[in-house]
């Protein structure tokens, strides 16, 4: 219950449950499932129920049956992803997403290597699945197989061509659970860095690929504390040079 005590946070039961697993990894008794939260709230008297649902991000409202996110055919859930990916013990595990322009004015495909934080980007005129898959292929095919082991995406339809990537690159593709952006936290954080250069409201048709490449280089050259204040470029690019 302590996780739901701030109305400002508006956390979802899934986020609360997921966080409890990491915070109380050594104490199963203190973990909680999202269904337990919903069940407890529904068991309260109407006045108390209204109070508690007000703390939730969506005020306890159910999603429409027409919401079909997470329905990408033949997708493999993040739960099936090798545990070594979670631990960041190797290179070659990527997270992917798209940054969308104002009024759907194109998109930027972003790929972030989990261990080094190295960013790859590609400009796309739209988010059609085959086009996005080809953009991803164009970036990752330049890498040796050891540096393109897995990719984890959200449930956007632009990633529906995941089997194409599996065939073309030998890439194992996994999907985060719907509305669980924290399961791709490296990518979400890096998208925030890119938004410093491409704030919401930017018409991406007006951004050249040269500009995008410049922004990508600036981000990759920033020192990171978790890398011992080395930059992603300093960590990742020598690995590519060794393999080629």
Protein backbone atom coordinates (compact mmCIF):
# COMPACT_ATOMS: atom_id res chain seq x y z
CA UNK A 1 0.00 0.00 0.00
CA UNK A 2 2.89 2.37 0.62
CA UNK A 3 3.67 2.42 -3.11
CA UNK A 4 0.28 3.98 -3.87
CA UNK A 5 0.30 6.79 -1.33
CA UNK A 6 1.08 9.73 -3.62
CA UNK A 7 -1.60 11.03 -5.99
CA UNK A 8 1.06 12.89 -7.92
CA UNK A 9 2.90 9.71 -8.88
CA UNK A 10 -0.14 8.08 -10.56
CA UNK A 11 1.64 4.76 -10.80
CA UNK A 12 -0.18 1.83 -12.39
CA UNK A 13 -0.58 -1.44 -10.45
CA UNK A 14 1.75 -3.12 -12.97
CA UNK A 15 4.46 -0.51 -12.29
CA UNK A 16 4.02 -0.90 -8.54
CA UNK A 17 4.19 -4.69 -8.81
CA UNK A 18 7.23 -4.58 -11.08
CA UNK A 19 9.06 -2.19 -8.78
CA UNK A 20 8.33 -4.35 -5.74
CA UNK A 21 10.06 -7.29 -7.42
CA UNK A 22 13.30 -5.33 -7.75
CA UNK A 23 13.15 -3.51 -4.40
CA UNK A 24 12.35 -6.69 -2.45
CA UNK A 25 14.23 -9.23 -4.55
CA UNK A 26 15.33 -11.11 -1.41
CA UNK A 27 11.98 -11.01 0.39
CA UNK A 28 9.09 -12.56 -1.52
CA UNK A 29 6.68 -11.72 1.30
CA UNK A 30 6.99 -8.02 0.52
CA UNK A 31 6.32 -8.36 -3.19
CA UNK A 32 2.88 -7.80 -4.64
CA UNK A 33 1.10 -8.55 -7.92
CA UNK A 34 -0.92 -6.01 -9.91
CA UNK A 35 -4.00 -8.24 -9.64
CA UNK A 36 -3.74 -8.21 -5.83
CA UNK A 37 -3.82 -4.39 -5.90
CA UNK A 38 -6.90 -4.30 -8.11
CA UNK A 39 -8.65 -6.98 -6.05
CA UNK A 40 -7.96 -5.16 -2.78
CA UNK A 41 -9.29 -1.85 -4.16
CA UNK A 42 -12.44 -3.48 -5.51
CA UNK A 43 -13.08 -5.09 -2.11
CA UNK A 44 -13.38 -1.71 -0.38
CA UNK A 45 -16.59 0.18 0.33
CA UNK A 46 -17.61 2.58 -2.50
CA UNK A 47 -16.31 5.72 -0.78
CA UNK A 48 -12.94 4.13 0.04
CA UNK A 49 -12.77 2.56 -3.43
CA UNK A 50 -13.15 5.96 -5.08
CA UNK A 51 -10.42 7.34 -2.85
CA UNK A 52 -7.94 4.58 -3.71
CA UNK A 53 -8.64 4.51 -7.45
CA UNK A 54 -7.90 8.24 -7.48
CA UNK A 55 -4.30 7.39 -6.59
CA UNK A 56 -3.86 5.27 -9.71
CA UNK A 57 -2.46 6.69 -12.93
CA UNK A 58 -5.65 5.95 -14.89
CA UNK A 59 -8.02 6.25 -11.92
CA UNK A 60 -8.79 2.54 -12.16
CA UNK A 61 -10.42 2.79 -15.58
CA UNK A 62 -10.17 -0.27 -17.77
CA UNK A 63 -8.81 -0.02 -21.27
CA UNK A 64 -11.14 -0.36 -24.21
CA UNK A 65 -11.55 -3.83 -25.68
CA UNK A 66 -10.56 -2.27 -29.00
CA UNK A 67 -7.08 -1.49 -27.65
CA UNK A 68 -5.01 -4.11 -29.43
CA UNK A 69 -1.51 -3.11 -28.41
CA UNK A 70 0.46 -6.21 -27.58
CA UNK A 71 -1.24 -8.19 -30.38
CA UNK A 72 1.76 -8.38 -32.73
CA UNK A 73 1.75 -11.89 -34.24
CA UNK A 74 4.34 -14.40 -33.05
CA UNK A 75 5.96 -12.01 -30.63
CA UNK A 76 8.11 -13.35 -27.81
CA UNK A 77 7.61 -11.69 -24.43
CA UNK A 78 10.46 -10.13 -22.50
CA UNK A 79 9.86 -12.85 -19.93
CA UNK A 80 11.47 -15.27 -22.39
CA UNK A 81 14.57 -13.14 -22.79
CA UNK A 82 17.86 -14.61 -21.46
CA UNK A 83 18.63 -13.44 -17.94
CA UNK A 84 22.13 -12.42 -19.01
CA UNK A 85 20.55 -9.51 -20.88
CA UNK A 86 19.08 -8.14 -17.64
CA UNK A 87 22.51 -8.20 -16.00
CA UNK A 88 24.28 -6.25 -18.80
CA UNK A 89 27.16 -8.71 -18.70
CA UNK A 90 27.75 -8.73 -22.45
CA UNK A 91 27.58 -6.48 -25.48
CA UNK A 92 25.13 -6.86 -28.34
CA UNK A 93 21.78 -6.54 -26.58
CA UNK A 94 19.71 -3.63 -27.92
CA UNK A 95 16.56 -1.74 -27.04
CA UNK A 96 14.57 -0.02 -29.78
CA UNK A 97 11.86 2.59 -30.15
CA UNK A 98 10.68 5.43 -32.39
CA UNK A 99 10.64 9.17 -31.65
CA UNK A 100 7.71 10.76 -33.47
CA UNK A 101 7.57 14.25 -34.93
CA UNK A 102 4.81 16.85 -34.60
CA UNK A 103 1.58 15.81 -36.34
CA UNK A 104 3.18 12.46 -37.16
CA UNK A 105 5.80 14.27 -39.29
CA UNK A 106 8.06 11.31 -39.74
CA UNK A 107 10.00 9.46 -37.08
CA UNK A 108 13.45 8.68 -35.78
CA UNK A 109 14.23 5.04 -35.12
CA UNK A 110 16.43 4.72 -32.04
CA UNK A 111 18.54 1.71 -31.05
CA UNK A 112 20.53 1.66 -27.81
CA UNK A 113 23.05 -0.99 -26.79
CA UNK A 114 22.27 -1.87 -23.19
CA UNK A 115 25.76 -2.31 -21.72
CA UNK A 116 27.55 0.62 -23.37
CA UNK A 117 24.59 2.97 -23.91
CA UNK A 118 25.71 3.43 -27.52
CA UNK A 119 23.00 5.02 -29.68
CA UNK A 120 22.19 4.38 -33.33
CA UNK A 121 19.53 6.42 -35.11
CA UNK A 122 17.82 6.44 -38.48
CA UNK A 123 15.39 8.93 -39.96
CA UNK A 124 12.16 7.52 -41.41
CA UNK A 125 9.37 9.25 -43.32
CA UNK A 126 6.75 7.15 -41.50
CA UNK A 127 6.35 4.29 -39.05
CA UNK A 128 5.26 1.55 -41.43
CA UNK A 129 6.52 -1.76 -40.10
CA UNK A 130 8.57 -2.85 -43.11
CA UNK A 131 10.21 0.57 -43.46
CA UNK A 132 11.13 0.64 -39.77
CA UNK A 133 12.50 -2.91 -40.00
CA UNK A 134 14.65 -1.92 -42.99
CA UNK A 135 15.99 1.08 -41.08
CA UNK A 136 16.94 -1.17 -38.18
CA UNK A 137 18.54 -3.65 -40.54
CA UNK A 138 20.57 -0.90 -42.22
CA UNK A 139 22.11 0.04 -38.89
CA UNK A 140 22.67 -3.33 -37.27
CA UNK A 141 23.90 -5.22 -40.34
CA UNK A 142 27.14 -3.23 -40.16
CA UNK A 143 27.92 -4.92 -36.85
CA UNK A 144 29.45 -8.36 -36.36
CA UNK A 145 26.99 -11.01 -35.10
CA UNK A 146 28.51 -10.90 -31.61
CA UNK A 147 27.35 -7.30 -31.30
CA UNK A 148 23.77 -7.89 -32.46
CA UNK A 149 22.46 -10.66 -30.25
CA UNK A 150 19.01 -9.45 -29.13
CA UNK A 151 16.64 -6.51 -29.49
CA UNK A 152 13.79 -5.54 -27.18
CA UNK A 153 10.97 -3.34 -28.50
CA UNK A 154 7.71 -1.98 -27.21
CA UNK A 155 4.38 -3.15 -28.63
CA UNK A 156 4.04 -0.50 -31.31
CA UNK A 157 2.84 -1.83 -34.66
CA UNK A 158 5.94 -0.38 -36.29
CA UNK A 159 7.83 -3.41 -34.91
CA UNK A 160 5.45 -5.97 -36.38
CA UNK A 161 8.14 -7.09 -38.88
CA UNK A 162 10.28 -8.58 -36.13
CA UNK A 163 10.47 -11.91 -37.96
CA UNK A 164 12.06 -10.12 -40.91
CA UNK A 165 14.82 -8.92 -38.58
CA UNK A 166 15.25 -12.40 -37.19
CA UNK A 167 15.72 -13.83 -40.68
CA UNK A 168 17.97 -11.06 -42.02
CA UNK A 169 20.17 -10.46 -38.98
CA UNK A 170 19.90 -13.60 -36.87
CA UNK A 171 18.57 -11.28 -34.17
CA UNK A 172 16.48 -12.63 -31.29
CA UNK A 173 13.63 -10.15 -30.78
CA UNK A 174 11.64 -9.69 -27.58
CA UNK A 175 8.77 -7.40 -26.61
CA UNK A 176 8.26 -5.52 -23.37
CA UNK A 177 4.85 -5.73 -21.76
CA UNK A 178 2.35 -3.08 -22.90
CA UNK A 179 2.64 0.20 -20.96
CA UNK A 180 5.81 -0.94 -19.15
CA UNK A 181 8.32 1.52 -20.57
CA UNK A 182 10.62 0.88 -17.60
CA UNK A 183 11.36 -2.54 -19.12
CA UNK A 184 13.22 -0.60 -21.83
CA UNK A 185 14.63 1.99 -19.47
CA UNK A 186 17.95 2.45 -21.29
CA UNK A 187 16.12 3.36 -24.48
CA UNK A 188 13.62 5.61 -22.74
CA UNK A 189 16.44 7.54 -21.05
CA UNK A 190 18.36 7.92 -24.30
CA UNK A 191 15.26 9.10 -26.14
CA UNK A 192 15.06 11.80 -23.50
CA UNK A 193 18.60 12.88 -24.38
CA UNK A 194 17.65 13.02 -28.06
CA UNK A 195 14.61 15.12 -27.18
CA UNK A 196 17.00 17.81 -25.95
CA UNK A 197 17.83 18.36 -29.61
CA UNK A 198 14.43 17.35 -31.05
CA UNK A 199 11.86 18.60 -28.54
CA UNK A 200 8.24 17.55 -28.83
CA UNK A 201 6.58 19.65 -31.47
CA UNK A 202 9.55 19.40 -33.86
CA UNK A 203 8.64 18.77 -37.49
CA UNK A 204 11.03 15.93 -38.30
CA UNK A 205 10.65 16.52 -42.03
CA UNK A 206 12.74 19.66 -41.44
CA UNK A 207 15.55 17.70 -39.75
CA UNK A 208 18.21 16.41 -42.15
CA UNK A 209 19.95 13.09 -41.67
CA UNK A 210 23.20 15.05 -41.25
CA UNK A 211 21.70 16.95 -38.32
CA UNK A 212 20.42 13.73 -36.79
CA UNK A 213 23.83 12.13 -37.15
CA UNK A 214 25.43 15.16 -35.46
CA UNK A 215 23.04 14.91 -32.50
CA UNK A 216 23.71 11.17 -32.24
CA UNK A 217 27.47 11.73 -32.13
CA UNK A 218 27.09 14.38 -29.42
CA UNK A 219 25.06 11.98 -27.27
CA UNK A 220 27.49 9.10 -27.80
CA UNK A 221 30.42 11.30 -26.80
CA UNK A 222 28.96 12.26 -23.42
CA UNK A 223 30.84 10.66 -20.49
CA UNK A 224 28.69 8.32 -18.39
CA UNK A 225 29.16 7.66 -14.71
CA UNK A 226 28.32 3.96 -15.03
CA UNK A 227 31.06 3.64 -17.66
CA UNK A 228 33.68 5.13 -15.36
CA UNK A 229 33.12 8.48 -17.10
CA UNK A 230 34.05 7.06 -20.45
CA UNK A 231 31.70 7.77 -23.33
CA UNK A 232 29.63 5.15 -25.20
CA UNK A 233 31.78 5.87 -28.25
CA UNK A 234 34.97 5.06 -26.34
CA UNK A 235 33.48 1.81 -25.04
CA UNK A 236 31.60 0.47 -28.06
CA UNK A 237 33.41 1.55 -31.22
CA UNK A 238 36.69 -0.23 -30.35
CA UNK A 239 34.69 -3.48 -30.12
CA UNK A 240 33.49 -2.99 -33.68
CA UNK A 241 37.03 -2.26 -34.88
CA UNK A 242 38.33 -5.45 -33.28
CA UNK A 243 35.72 -7.58 -35.01
CA UNK A 244 36.11 -6.04 -38.48
